[in-house]
């Protein structure tokens, strides 16, 4: 315990910098890339195969529910959650770093 009280400022600064750097790295690493993702290509291939299998049949088929809206809503929710978590990590790192620079009155 004596070690932590002796080096409290250095530990706080180190933890703050590490959390801040990890938050920035994850935030900018997880940004969506421009272009078409592998999942979108796979979904387009599946849709094309289903369309070619259907062909020009005259039989009525059961309409499948559209899962694309659910998938889009799920991915956007995941992206928003990841964005909020990384922003929270950056703010937490700034708080640790800022707290280490506040002068305390020694009794």
PDB file of N, CA and C in Angstrom:
ATOM      1  N   UNK A   1       0.826  -1.190   0.000  1.00  0.00           N
ATOM      2  CA  UNK A   1       0.000   0.000   0.000  1.00  0.00           C
ATOM      3  C   UNK A   1       0.869   1.252   0.000  1.00  0.00           C
ATOM      4  N   UNK A   2       2.004   1.149   0.627  1.00  0.00           N
ATOM      5  CA  UNK A   2       2.915   2.275   0.706  1.00  0.00           C
ATOM      6  C   UNK A   2       3.423   2.661  -0.687  1.00  0.00           C
ATOM      7  N   UNK A   3       3.596   1.656  -1.533  1.00  0.00           N
ATOM      8  CA  UNK A   3       4.057   1.896  -2.900  1.00  0.00           C
ATOM      9  C   UNK A   3       3.057   2.749  -3.676  1.00  0.00           C
ATOM     10  N   UNK A   4       1.753   2.432  -3.506  1.00  0.00           N
ATOM     11  CA  UNK A   4       0.723   3.170  -4.236  1.00  0.00           C
ATOM     12  C   UNK A   4       0.583   4.604  -3.742  1.00  0.00           C
ATOM     13  N   UNK A   5       0.718   4.802  -2.455  1.00  0.00           N
ATOM     14  CA  UNK A   5       0.618   6.170  -1.948  1.00  0.00           C
ATOM     15  C   UNK A   5       1.842   6.998  -2.334  1.00  0.00           C
ATOM     16  N   UNK A   6       2.998   6.336  -2.436  1.00  0.00           N
ATOM     17  CA  UNK A   6       4.218   7.050  -2.792  1.00  0.00           C
ATOM     18  C   UNK A   6       4.220   7.463  -4.260  1.00  0.00           C
ATOM     19  N   UNK A   7       3.766   6.560  -5.120  1.00  0.00           N
ATOM     20  CA  UNK A   7       3.794   6.814  -6.567  1.00  0.00           C
ATOM     21  C   UNK A   7       2.392   7.025  -7.146  1.00  0.00           C
ATOM     22  N   UNK A   8       1.497   7.603  -6.355  1.00  0.00           N
ATOM     23  CA  UNK A   8       0.110   7.778  -6.782  1.00  0.00           C
ATOM     24  C   UNK A   8       0.006   8.656  -8.033  1.00  0.00           C
ATOM     25  N   UNK A   9       0.732   9.733  -8.077  1.00  0.00           N
ATOM     26  CA  UNK A   9       0.653  10.659  -9.214  1.00  0.00           C
ATOM     27  C   UNK A   9       1.156   9.989 -10.484  1.00  0.00           C
ATOM     28  N   UNK A  10       2.246   9.275 -10.400  1.00  0.00           N
ATOM     29  CA  UNK A  10       2.785   8.606 -11.588  1.00  0.00           C
ATOM     30  C   UNK A  10       1.834   7.522 -12.065  1.00  0.00           C
ATOM     31  N   UNK A  11       1.251   6.779 -11.126  1.00  0.00           N
ATOM     32  CA  UNK A  11       0.304   5.714 -11.500  1.00  0.00           C
ATOM     33  C   UNK A  11      -0.927   6.312 -12.163  1.00  0.00           C
ATOM     34  N   UNK A  12      -1.458   7.401 -11.608  1.00  0.00           N
ATOM     35  CA  UNK A  12      -2.632   8.040 -12.209  1.00  0.00           C
ATOM     36  C   UNK A  12      -2.330   8.555 -13.610  1.00  0.00           C
ATOM     37  N   UNK A  13      -1.179   9.169 -13.789  1.00  0.00           N
ATOM     38  CA  UNK A  13      -0.819   9.684 -15.113  1.00  0.00           C
ATOM     39  C   UNK A  13      -0.625   8.553 -16.104  1.00  0.00           C
ATOM     40  N   UNK A  14       0.017   7.491 -15.671  1.00  0.00           N
ATOM     41  CA  UNK A  14       0.248   6.355 -16.560  1.00  0.00           C
ATOM     42  C   UNK A  14      -1.070   5.693 -16.958  1.00  0.00           C
ATOM     43  N   UNK A  15      -1.946   5.480 -15.997  1.00  0.00           N
ATOM     44  CA  UNK A  15      -3.255   4.878 -16.299  1.00  0.00           C
ATOM     45  C   UNK A  15      -4.067   5.793 -17.207  1.00  0.00           C
ATOM     46  N   UNK A  16      -4.027   7.088 -16.943  1.00  0.00           N
ATOM     47  CA  UNK A  16      -4.755   8.035 -17.777  1.00  0.00           C
ATOM     48  C   UNK A  16      -4.270   8.043 -19.206  1.00  0.00           C
ATOM     49  N   UNK A  17      -2.961   8.049 -19.392  1.00  0.00           N
ATOM     50  CA  UNK A  17      -2.409   8.061 -20.750  1.00  0.00           C
ATOM     51  C   UNK A  17      -2.724   6.762 -21.472  1.00  0.00           C
ATOM     52  N   UNK A  18      -2.611   5.639 -20.782  1.00  0.00           N
ATOM     53  CA  UNK A  18      -2.886   4.340 -21.414  1.00  0.00           C
ATOM     54  C   UNK A  18      -4.351   4.237 -21.825  1.00  0.00           C
ATOM     55  N   UNK A  19      -5.261   4.612 -20.927  1.00  0.00           N
ATOM     56  CA  UNK A  19      -6.689   4.554 -21.260  1.00  0.00           C
ATOM     57  C   UNK A  19      -7.010   5.504 -22.403  1.00  0.00           C
ATOM     58  N   UNK A  20      -6.427   6.696 -22.386  1.00  0.00           N
ATOM     59  CA  UNK A  20      -6.670   7.665 -23.450  1.00  0.00           C
ATOM     60  C   UNK A  20      -6.163   7.155 -24.793  1.00  0.00           C
ATOM     61  N   UNK A  21      -4.963   6.605 -24.817  1.00  0.00           N
ATOM     62  CA  UNK A  21      -4.423   6.080 -26.071  1.00  0.00           C
ATOM     63  C   UNK A  21      -5.223   4.883 -26.581  1.00  0.00           C
ATOM     64  N   UNK A  22      -5.608   3.996 -25.676  1.00  0.00           N
ATOM     65  CA  UNK A  22      -6.418   2.849 -26.098  1.00  0.00           C
ATOM     66  C   UNK A  22      -7.769   3.324 -26.622  1.00  0.00           C
ATOM     67  N   UNK A  23      -8.373   4.301 -25.960  1.00  0.00           N
ATOM     68  CA  UNK A  23      -9.655   4.834 -26.430  1.00  0.00           C
ATOM     69  C   UNK A  23      -9.545   5.428 -27.823  1.00  0.00           C
ATOM     70  N   UNK A  24      -8.493   6.243 -28.069  1.00  0.00           N
ATOM     71  CA  UNK A  24      -8.302   6.813 -29.399  1.00  0.00           C
ATOM     72  C   UNK A  24      -8.043   5.740 -30.441  1.00  0.00           C
ATOM     73  N   UNK A  25      -7.194   4.776 -30.103  1.00  0.00           N
ATOM     74  CA  UNK A  25      -6.859   3.724 -31.066  1.00  0.00           C
ATOM     75  C   UNK A  25      -8.087   2.906 -31.443  1.00  0.00           C
ATOM     76  N   UNK A  26      -8.866   2.510 -30.455  1.00  0.00           N
ATOM     77  CA  UNK A  26     -10.065   1.708 -30.744  1.00  0.00           C
ATOM     78  C   UNK A  26     -11.102   2.535 -31.478  1.00  0.00           C
ATOM     79  N   UNK A  27     -11.240   3.799 -31.101  1.00  0.00           N
ATOM     80  CA  UNK A  27     -12.251   4.643 -31.744  1.00  0.00           C
ATOM     81  C   UNK A  27     -11.955   4.822 -33.229  1.00  0.00           C
ATOM     82  N   UNK A  28     -10.705   5.114 -33.562  1.00  0.00           N
ATOM     83  CA  UNK A  28     -10.395   5.338 -34.968  1.00  0.00           C
ATOM     84  C   UNK A  28     -10.190   4.042 -35.735  1.00  0.00           C
ATOM     85  N   UNK A  29      -9.865   2.968 -35.047  1.00  0.00           N
ATOM     86  CA  UNK A  29      -9.727   1.675 -35.711  1.00  0.00           C
ATOM     87  C   UNK A  29     -11.095   1.130 -36.094  1.00  0.00           C
ATOM     88  N   UNK A  30     -12.100   1.380 -35.253  1.00  0.00           N
ATOM     89  CA  UNK A  30     -13.419   0.800 -35.486  1.00  0.00           C
ATOM     90  C   UNK A  30     -14.303   1.658 -36.381  1.00  0.00           C
ATOM     91  N   UNK A  31     -13.794   2.749 -36.900  1.00  0.00           N
ATOM     92  CA  UNK A  31     -14.588   3.566 -37.812  1.00  0.00           C
ATOM     93  C   UNK A  31     -14.902   2.762 -39.069  1.00  0.00           C
ATOM     94  N   UNK A  32     -16.112   2.875 -39.584  1.00  0.00           N
ATOM     95  CA  UNK A  32     -16.458   2.091 -40.769  1.00  0.00           C
ATOM     96  C   UNK A  32     -15.622   2.501 -41.981  1.00  0.00           C
ATOM     97  N   UNK A  33     -15.200   1.509 -42.717  1.00  0.00           N
ATOM     98  CA  UNK A  33     -14.401   1.748 -43.915  1.00  0.00           C
ATOM     99  C   UNK A  33     -15.323   2.081 -45.081  1.00  0.00           C
ATOM    100  N   UNK A  34     -14.835   2.891 -45.985  1.00  0.00           N
ATOM    101  CA  UNK A  34     -15.625   3.207 -47.166  1.00  0.00           C
ATOM    102  C   UNK A  34     -15.537   2.037 -48.125  1.00  0.00           C
ATOM    103  N   UNK A  35     -16.609   1.819 -48.843  1.00  0.00           N
ATOM    104  CA  UNK A  35     -16.637   0.721 -49.794  1.00  0.00           C
ATOM    105  C   UNK A  35     -17.602  -0.356 -49.331  1.00  0.00           C
ATOM    106  N   UNK A  36     -17.518  -1.482 -49.991  1.00  0.00           N
ATOM    107  CA  UNK A  36     -18.433  -2.576 -49.722  1.00  0.00           C
ATOM    108  C   UNK A  36     -17.740  -3.579 -48.807  1.00  0.00           C
ATOM    109  N   UNK A  37     -18.436  -3.974 -47.745  1.00  0.00           N
ATOM    110  CA  UNK A  37     -17.853  -4.932 -46.817  1.00  0.00           C
ATOM    111  C   UNK A  37     -18.079  -6.360 -47.317  1.00  0.00           C
ATOM    112  N   UNK A  38     -17.418  -7.284 -46.687  1.00  0.00           N
ATOM    113  CA  UNK A  38     -17.534  -8.697 -47.061  1.00  0.00           C
ATOM    114  C   UNK A  38     -18.952  -9.187 -46.796  1.00  0.00           C
ATOM    115  N   UNK A  39     -19.571  -8.727 -45.716  1.00  0.00           N
ATOM    116  CA  UNK A  39     -20.937  -9.147 -45.400  1.00  0.00           C
ATOM    117  C   UNK A  39     -21.927  -8.655 -46.453  1.00  0.00           C
ATOM    118  N   UNK A  40     -21.732  -7.444 -46.938  1.00  0.00           N
ATOM    119  CA  UNK A  40     -22.624  -6.924 -47.974  1.00  0.00           C
ATOM    120  C   UNK A  40     -22.463  -7.693 -49.278  1.00  0.00           C
ATOM    121  N   UNK A  41     -21.242  -8.072 -49.613  1.00  0.00           N
ATOM    122  CA  UNK A  41     -21.012  -8.866 -50.822  1.00  0.00           C
ATOM    123  C   UNK A  41     -21.678 -10.229 -50.683  1.00  0.00           C
ATOM    124  N   UNK A  42     -21.539 -10.842 -49.499  1.00  0.00           N
ATOM    125  CA  UNK A  42     -22.160 -12.148 -49.270  1.00  0.00           C
ATOM    126  C   UNK A  42     -23.677 -12.048 -49.337  1.00  0.00           C
ATOM    127  N   UNK A  43     -24.254 -10.992 -48.771  1.00  0.00           N
ATOM    128  CA  UNK A  43     -25.705 -10.813 -48.820  1.00  0.00           C
ATOM    129  C   UNK A  43     -26.183 -10.620 -50.252  1.00  0.00           C
ATOM    130  N   UNK A  44     -25.417  -9.876 -51.057  1.00  0.00           N
ATOM    131  CA  UNK A  44     -25.785  -9.687 -52.461  1.00  0.00           C
ATOM    132  C   UNK A  44     -25.697 -11.001 -53.224  1.00  0.00           C
ATOM    133  N   UNK A  45     -24.686 -11.815 -52.932  1.00  0.00           N
ATOM    134  CA  UNK A  45     -24.567 -13.118 -53.590  1.00  0.00           C
ATOM    135  C   UNK A  45     -25.724 -14.037 -53.231  1.00  0.00           C
ATOM    136  N   UNK A  46     -26.120 -14.039 -51.972  1.00  0.00           N
ATOM    137  CA  UNK A  46     -27.247 -14.871 -51.545  1.00  0.00           C
ATOM    138  C   UNK A  46     -28.528 -14.410 -52.223  1.00  0.00           C
ATOM    139  N   UNK A  47     -28.735 -13.106 -52.284  1.00  0.00           N
ATOM    140  CA  UNK A  47     -29.938 -12.586 -52.941  1.00  0.00           C
ATOM    141  C   UNK A  47     -29.952 -12.940 -54.417  1.00  0.00           C
ATOM    142  N   UNK A  48     -28.804 -12.865 -55.060  1.00  0.00           N
ATOM    143  CA  UNK A  48     -28.728 -13.217 -56.478  1.00  0.00           C
ATOM    144  C   UNK A  48     -28.996 -14.701 -56.682  1.00  0.00           C
ATOM    145  N   UNK A  49     -28.463 -15.562 -55.804  1.00  0.00           N
ATOM    146  CA  UNK A  49     -28.709 -17.001 -55.928  1.00  0.00           C
ATOM    147  C   UNK A  49     -30.174 -17.332 -55.690  1.00  0.00           C
ATOM    148  N   UNK A  50     -30.796 -16.688 -54.695  1.00  0.00           N
ATOM    149  CA  UNK A  50     -32.218 -16.925 -54.448  1.00  0.00           C
ATOM    150  C   UNK A  50     -33.055 -16.483 -55.635  1.00  0.00           C
ATOM    151  N   UNK A  51     -32.691 -15.378 -56.252  1.00  0.00           N
ATOM    152  CA  UNK A  51     -33.438 -14.896 -57.415  1.00  0.00           C
ATOM    153  C   UNK A  51     -33.270 -15.842 -58.596  1.00  0.00           C
ATOM    154  N   UNK A  52     -32.083 -16.398 -58.775  1.00  0.00           N
ATOM    155  CA  UNK A  52     -31.876 -17.312 -59.902  1.00  0.00           C
ATOM    156  C   UNK A  52     -32.566 -18.649 -59.660  1.00  0.00           C
ATOM    157  N   UNK A  53     -32.677 -19.075 -58.412  1.00  0.00           N
ATOM    158  CA  UNK A  53     -33.368 -20.335 -58.111  1.00  0.00           C
ATOM    159  C   UNK A  53     -34.865 -20.170 -58.313  1.00  0.00           C
ATOM    160  N   UNK A  54     -35.404 -19.023 -57.941  1.00  0.00           N
ATOM    161  CA  UNK A  54     -36.836 -18.782 -58.111  1.00  0.00           C
ATOM    162  C   UNK A  54     -37.222 -18.865 -59.581  1.00  0.00           C
ATOM    163  N   UNK A  55     -36.454 -18.174 -60.391  1.00  0.00           N
ATOM    164  CA  UNK A  55     -36.753 -18.186 -61.822  1.00  0.00           C
ATOM    165  C   UNK A  55     -38.103 -17.567 -62.109  1.00  0.00           C
ATOM    166  N   UNK A  56     -38.785 -18.118 -63.097  1.00  0.00           N
ATOM    167  CA  UNK A  56     -40.097 -17.613 -63.495  1.00  0.00           C
ATOM    168  C   UNK A  56     -41.181 -18.624 -63.141  1.00  0.00           C
ATOM    169  N   UNK A  57     -41.243 -19.043 -61.906  1.00  0.00           N
ATOM    170  CA  UNK A  57     -42.268 -20.007 -61.505  1.00  0.00           C
ATOM    171  C   UNK A  57     -43.600 -19.299 -61.354  1.00  0.00           C
ATOM    172  N   UNK A  58     -44.650 -20.033 -61.636  1.00  0.00           N
ATOM    173  CA  UNK A  58     -45.982 -19.461 -61.539  1.00  0.00           C
ATOM    174  C   UNK A  58     -46.640 -19.809 -60.209  1.00  0.00           C
ATOM    175  N   UNK A  59     -45.933 -20.592 -59.395  1.00  0.00           N
ATOM    176  CA  UNK A  59     -46.482 -20.972 -58.108  1.00  0.00           C
ATOM    177  C   UNK A  59     -46.297 -19.817 -57.125  1.00  0.00           C
ATOM    178  N   UNK A  60     -47.288 -19.687 -56.279  1.00  0.00           N
ATOM    179  CA  UNK A  60     -47.164 -18.643 -55.260  1.00  0.00           C
ATOM    180  C   UNK A  60     -46.319 -19.182 -54.106  1.00  0.00           C
ATOM    181  N   UNK A  61     -45.419 -18.395 -53.706  1.00  0.00           N
ATOM    182  CA  UNK A  61     -44.555 -18.804 -52.606  1.00  0.00           C
ATOM    183  C   UNK A  61     -44.816 -17.912 -51.411  1.00  0.00           C
ATOM    184  N   UNK A  62     -44.471 -18.441 -50.283  1.00  0.00           N
ATOM    185  CA  UNK A  62     -44.640 -17.683 -49.058  1.00  0.00           C
ATOM    186  C   UNK A  62     -43.617 -16.546 -49.026  1.00  0.00           C
ATOM    187  N   UNK A  63     -44.049 -15.380 -48.656  1.00  0.00           N
ATOM    188  CA  UNK A  63     -43.153 -14.225 -48.620  1.00  0.00           C
ATOM    189  C   UNK A  63     -42.339 -14.284 -47.335  1.00  0.00           C
ATOM    190  N   UNK A  64     -41.030 -14.220 -47.507  1.00  0.00           N
ATOM    191  CA  UNK A  64     -40.146 -14.223 -46.344  1.00  0.00           C
ATOM    192  C   UNK A  64     -40.123 -12.825 -45.738  1.00  0.00           C
ATOM    193  N   UNK A  65     -40.013 -12.755 -44.418  1.00  0.00           N
ATOM    194  CA  UNK A  65     -39.875 -11.422 -43.818  1.00  0.00           C
ATOM    195  C   UNK A  65     -38.521 -10.828 -44.199  1.00  0.00           C
ATOM    196  N   UNK A  66     -38.524  -9.535 -44.364  1.00  0.00           N
ATOM    197  CA  UNK A  66     -37.302  -8.845 -44.764  1.00  0.00           C
ATOM    198  C   UNK A  66     -36.389  -8.692 -43.555  1.00  0.00           C
ATOM    199  N   UNK A  67     -35.257  -9.398 -43.563  1.00  0.00           N
ATOM    200  CA  UNK A  67     -34.320  -9.362 -42.446  1.00  0.00           C
ATOM    201  C   UNK A  67     -33.264  -8.271 -42.610  1.00  0.00           C
ATOM    202  N   UNK A  68     -33.254  -7.624 -43.770  1.00  0.00           N
ATOM    203  CA  UNK A  68     -32.217  -6.615 -43.996  1.00  0.00           C
ATOM    204  C   UNK A  68     -32.384  -5.416 -43.071  1.00  0.00           C
ATOM    205  N   UNK A  69     -33.630  -5.040 -42.789  1.00  0.00           N
ATOM    206  CA  UNK A  69     -33.832  -3.907 -41.886  1.00  0.00           C
ATOM    207  C   UNK A  69     -33.387  -4.257 -40.473  1.00  0.00           C
ATOM    208  N   UNK A  70     -33.638  -5.500 -40.068  1.00  0.00           N
ATOM    209  CA  UNK A  70     -33.193  -5.936 -38.746  1.00  0.00           C
ATOM    210  C   UNK A  70     -31.670  -5.962 -38.670  1.00  0.00           C
ATOM    211  N   UNK A  71     -31.032  -6.471 -39.719  1.00  0.00           N
ATOM    212  CA  UNK A  71     -29.568  -6.541 -39.740  1.00  0.00           C
ATOM    213  C   UNK A  71     -28.955  -5.144 -39.738  1.00  0.00           C
ATOM    214  N   UNK A  72     -29.545  -4.234 -40.508  1.00  0.00           N
ATOM    215  CA  UNK A  72     -29.030  -2.865 -40.526  1.00  0.00           C
ATOM    216  C   UNK A  72     -29.197  -2.189 -39.171  1.00  0.00           C
ATOM    217  N   UNK A  73     -30.364  -2.394 -38.549  1.00  0.00           N
ATOM    218  CA  UNK A  73     -30.600  -1.799 -37.238  1.00  0.00           C
ATOM    219  C   UNK A  73     -29.634  -2.367 -36.201  1.00  0.00           C
ATOM    220  N   UNK A  74     -29.362  -3.661 -36.292  1.00  0.00           N
ATOM    221  CA  UNK A  74     -28.438  -4.290 -35.352  1.00  0.00           C
ATOM    222  C   UNK A  74     -27.018  -3.765 -35.529  1.00  0.00           C
ATOM    223  N   UNK A  75     -26.559  -3.644 -36.772  1.00  0.00           N
ATOM    224  CA  UNK A  75     -25.197  -3.155 -37.000  1.00  0.00           C
ATOM    225  C   UNK A  75     -25.057  -1.692 -36.598  1.00  0.00           C
ATOM    226  N   UNK A  76     -26.067  -0.883 -36.874  1.00  0.00           N
ATOM    227  CA  UNK A  76     -25.975   0.522 -36.463  1.00  0.00           C
ATOM    228  C   UNK A  76     -25.988   0.650 -34.942  1.00  0.00           C
ATOM    229  N   UNK A  77     -26.789  -0.183 -34.270  1.00  0.00           N
ATOM    230  CA  UNK A  77     -26.806  -0.147 -32.807  1.00  0.00           C
ATOM    231  C   UNK A  77     -25.456  -0.576 -32.241  1.00  0.00           C
ATOM    232  N   UNK A  78     -24.844  -1.588 -32.835  1.00  0.00           N
ATOM    233  CA  UNK A  78     -23.522  -2.026 -32.378  1.00  0.00           C
ATOM    234  C   UNK A  78     -22.471  -0.948 -32.608  1.00  0.00           C
ATOM    235  N   UNK A  79     -22.535  -0.287 -33.743  1.00  0.00           N
ATOM    236  CA  UNK A  79     -21.575   0.781 -34.025  1.00  0.00           C
ATOM    237  C   UNK A  79     -21.746   1.946 -33.058  1.00  0.00           C
ATOM    238  N   UNK A  80     -22.982   2.318 -32.758  1.00  0.00           N
ATOM    239  CA  UNK A  80     -23.225   3.406 -31.808  1.00  0.00           C
ATOM    240  C   UNK A  80     -22.724   3.032 -30.423  1.00  0.00           C
ATOM    241  N   UNK A  81     -22.982   1.782 -30.005  1.00  0.00           N
ATOM    242  CA  UNK A  81     -22.536   1.328 -28.690  1.00  0.00           C
ATOM    243  C   UNK A  81     -21.012   1.360 -28.603  1.00  0.00           C
ATOM    244  N   UNK A  82     -20.350   0.891 -29.650  1.00  0.00           N
ATOM    245  CA  UNK A  82     -18.881   0.897 -29.655  1.00  0.00           C
ATOM    246  C   UNK A  82     -18.355   2.327 -29.634  1.00  0.00           C
ATOM    247  N   UNK A  83     -19.026   3.215 -30.349  1.00  0.00           N
ATOM    248  CA  UNK A  83     -18.605   4.612 -30.358  1.00  0.00           C
ATOM    249  C   UNK A  83     -18.729   5.234 -28.969  1.00  0.00           C
ATOM    250  N   UNK A  84     -19.851   4.970 -28.288  1.00  0.00           N
ATOM    251  CA  UNK A  84     -20.048   5.525 -26.955  1.00  0.00           C
ATOM    252  C   UNK A  84     -19.045   4.955 -25.958  1.00  0.00           C
ATOM    253  N   UNK A  85     -18.732   3.669 -26.066  1.00  0.00           N
ATOM    254  CA  UNK A  85     -17.775   3.058 -25.145  1.00  0.00           C
ATOM    255  C   UNK A  85     -16.383   3.660 -25.340  1.00  0.00           C
ATOM    256  N   UNK A  86     -15.978   3.864 -26.594  1.00  0.00           N
ATOM    257  CA  UNK A  86     -14.648   4.429 -26.823  1.00  0.00           C
ATOM    258  C   UNK A  86     -14.582   5.888 -26.382  1.00  0.00           C
ATOM    259  N   UNK A  87     -15.650   6.624 -26.584  1.00  0.00           N
ATOM    260  CA  UNK A  87     -15.680   8.009 -26.111  1.00  0.00           C
ATOM    261  C   UNK A  87     -15.617   8.040 -24.586  1.00  0.00           C
ATOM    262  N   UNK A  88     -16.323   7.117 -23.932  1.00  0.00           N
ATOM    263  CA  UNK A  88     -16.271   7.033 -22.474  1.00  0.00           C
ATOM    264  C   UNK A  88     -14.859   6.699 -22.005  1.00  0.00           C
ATOM    265  N   UNK A  89     -14.175   5.807 -22.708  1.00  0.00           N
ATOM    266  CA  UNK A  89     -12.797   5.457 -22.339  1.00  0.00           C
ATOM    267  C   UNK A  89     -11.882   6.660 -22.489  1.00  0.00           C
ATOM    268  N   UNK A  90     -12.068   7.441 -23.540  1.00  0.00           N
ATOM    269  CA  UNK A  90     -11.239   8.638 -23.715  1.00  0.00           C
ATOM    270  C   UNK A  90     -11.501   9.656 -22.614  1.00  0.00           C
ATOM    271  N   UNK A  91     -12.755   9.845 -22.251  1.00  0.00           N
ATOM    272  CA  UNK A  91     -13.093  10.789 -21.185  1.00  0.00           C
ATOM    273  C   UNK A  91     -12.521  10.304 -19.857  1.00  0.00           C
ATOM    274  N   UNK A  92     -12.601   9.001 -19.605  1.00  0.00           N
ATOM    275  CA  UNK A  92     -12.044   8.440 -18.379  1.00  0.00           C
ATOM    276  C   UNK A  92     -10.528   8.633 -18.327  1.00  0.00           C
ATOM    277  N   UNK A  93      -9.858   8.465 -19.457  1.00  0.00           N
ATOM    278  CA  UNK A  93      -8.421   8.707 -19.511  1.00  0.00           C
ATOM    279  C   UNK A  93      -8.087  10.154 -19.244  1.00  0.00           C
ATOM    280  N   UNK A  94      -8.869  11.072 -19.784  1.00  0.00           N
ATOM    281  CA  UNK A  94      -8.647  12.502 -19.546  1.00  0.00           C
ATOM    282  C   UNK A  94      -8.868  12.831 -18.072  1.00  0.00           C
ATOM    283  N   UNK A  95      -9.881  12.209 -17.453  1.00  0.00           N
ATOM    284  CA  UNK A  95     -10.149  12.457 -16.032  1.00  0.00           C
ATOM    285  C   UNK A  95      -8.985  11.966 -15.172  1.00  0.00           C
ATOM    286  N   UNK A  96      -8.491  10.747 -15.450  1.00  0.00           N
ATOM    287  CA  UNK A  96      -7.336  10.242 -14.702  1.00  0.00           C
ATOM    288  C   UNK A  96      -6.136  11.166 -14.871  1.00  0.00           C
ATOM    289  N   UNK A  97      -5.888  11.569 -16.098  1.00  0.00           N
ATOM    290  CA  UNK A  97      -4.739  12.421 -16.372  1.00  0.00           C
ATOM    291  C   UNK A  97      -4.897  13.794 -15.717  1.00  0.00           C
ATOM    292  N   UNK A  98      -6.080  14.371 -15.815  1.00  0.00           N
ATOM    293  CA  UNK A  98      -6.325  15.669 -15.207  1.00  0.00           C
ATOM    294  C   UNK A  98      -6.259  15.629 -13.693  1.00  0.00           C
ATOM    295  N   UNK A  99      -6.774  14.557 -13.110  1.00  0.00           N
ATOM    296  CA  UNK A  99      -6.757  14.432 -11.648  1.00  0.00           C
ATOM    297  C   UNK A  99      -5.327  14.326 -11.121  1.00  0.00           C
ATOM    298  N   UNK A 100      -4.444  13.752 -11.915  1.00  0.00           N
ATOM    299  CA  UNK A 100      -3.067  13.610 -11.455  1.00  0.00           C
ATOM    300  C   UNK A 100      -2.335  14.956 -11.418  1.00  0.00           C
ATOM    301  N   UNK A 101      -2.825  15.951 -12.155  1.00  0.00           N
ATOM    302  CA  UNK A 101      -2.166  17.253 -12.173  1.00  0.00           C
ATOM    303  C   UNK A 101      -2.743  18.240 -11.155  1.00  0.00           C
ATOM    304  N   UNK A 102      -3.806  17.874 -10.473  1.00  0.00           N
ATOM    305  CA  UNK A 102      -4.399  18.753  -9.464  1.00  0.00           C
ATOM    306  C   UNK A 102      -3.532  18.711  -8.213  1.00  0.00           C
ATOM    307  N   UNK A 103      -3.176  19.884  -7.721  1.00  0.00           N
ATOM    308  CA  UNK A 103      -2.351  19.969  -6.519  1.00  0.00           C
ATOM    309  C   UNK A 103      -3.221  19.718  -5.292  1.00  0.00           C
ATOM    310  N   UNK A 104      -2.739  18.835  -4.448  1.00  0.00           N
ATOM    311  CA  UNK A 104      -3.447  18.542  -3.203  1.00  0.00           C
ATOM    312  C   UNK A 104      -2.714  19.209  -2.046  1.00  0.00           C
ATOM    313  N   UNK A 105      -3.474  19.635  -1.066  1.00  0.00           N
ATOM    314  CA  UNK A 105      -2.867  20.247   0.105  1.00  0.00           C
ATOM    315  C   UNK A 105      -2.373  19.144   1.018  1.00  0.00           C
ATOM    316  N   UNK A 106      -1.115  19.202   1.363  1.00  0.00           N
ATOM    317  CA  UNK A 106      -0.521  18.208   2.252  1.00  0.00           C
ATOM    318  C   UNK A 106      -0.786  18.647   3.694  1.00  0.00           C
ATOM    319  N   UNK A 107      -1.268  17.738   4.494  1.00  0.00           N
ATOM    320  CA  UNK A 107      -1.529  18.052   5.914  1.00  0.00           C
ATOM    321  C   UNK A 107      -0.357  17.678   6.770  1.00  0.00           C
TER     322      UNK A 107
END
